[in-house]
C-alpha cells in the first residue's frame, strides 16, 4: 500500500483540502490545535472526545 502525505501548517486552510482520510493530533486534556478548529465547527470531534471513545484507558 502506498500513502501520500501532505503536511499542512497554520496558514493552510484544511477546509479546502480534498482527501479520503486525514489524521489530526489530539493532545493532553483533549486539546485541539487551532488549525483543527475549522473541521470541528459543529463539535463533531469534541463530541467524540467527550463520549470517551478515544480514551486510552
Protein backbone atom coordinates (compact mmCIF):
# COMPACT_ATOMS: atom_id res chain seq x y z
CA UNK A 1 0.00 0.00 0.00
CA UNK A 2 1.24 3.48 -0.80
CA UNK A 3 0.20 6.59 1.05
CA UNK A 4 0.70 10.18 0.02
CA UNK A 5 1.29 12.52 2.92
CA UNK A 6 0.76 16.26 2.76
CA UNK A 7 1.84 18.30 5.74
CA UNK A 8 -0.06 21.47 6.40
CA UNK A 9 0.77 24.46 8.51
CA UNK A 10 -1.22 27.15 10.31
CA UNK A 11 -1.55 29.25 7.15
CA UNK A 12 -3.21 26.44 5.20
CA UNK A 13 -6.99 26.08 5.41
CA UNK A 14 -7.78 22.41 5.78
CA UNK A 15 -11.35 23.10 4.68
CA UNK A 16 -10.17 23.21 1.05
CA UNK A 17 -8.10 20.01 1.06
CA UNK A 18 -9.51 17.06 -0.86
CA UNK A 19 -8.75 13.76 0.81
CA UNK A 20 -10.34 10.45 1.72
CA UNK A 21 -8.75 10.46 5.14
CA UNK A 22 -6.83 12.80 7.41
CA UNK A 23 -5.07 12.44 10.72
CA UNK A 24 -5.17 15.04 13.46
CA UNK A 25 -3.28 15.26 16.72
CA UNK A 26 -5.24 15.30 19.95
CA UNK A 27 -3.14 16.37 22.88
CA UNK A 28 -3.29 16.17 26.64
CA UNK A 29 -6.67 17.19 28.08
CA UNK A 30 -8.20 16.75 24.60
CA UNK A 31 -6.62 20.00 23.40
CA UNK A 32 -7.01 20.57 19.67
CA UNK A 33 -4.65 22.67 17.60
CA UNK A 34 -6.09 25.90 16.21
CA UNK A 35 -5.87 24.53 12.67
CA UNK A 36 -8.21 21.67 13.64
CA UNK A 37 -10.88 24.06 14.91
CA UNK A 38 -12.03 24.60 11.29
CA UNK A 39 -13.09 20.97 11.00
CA UNK A 40 -14.57 20.96 14.49
CA UNK A 41 -17.01 23.72 13.54
CA UNK A 42 -20.03 21.65 14.54
CA UNK A 43 -18.26 19.98 17.50
CA UNK A 44 -18.05 16.53 15.92
CA UNK A 45 -14.57 15.93 17.27
CA UNK A 46 -15.41 17.45 20.66
CA UNK A 47 -18.43 15.15 20.98
CA UNK A 48 -16.33 12.07 20.17
CA UNK A 49 -13.77 13.10 22.78
CA UNK A 50 -16.49 13.68 25.39
CA UNK A 51 -18.03 10.28 24.67
CA UNK A 52 -14.83 8.59 25.80
CA UNK A 53 -14.45 6.54 22.60
CA UNK A 54 -10.84 7.68 22.23
CA UNK A 55 -9.73 7.32 25.85
CA UNK A 56 -6.50 5.37 26.16
CA UNK A 57 -7.71 3.57 29.31
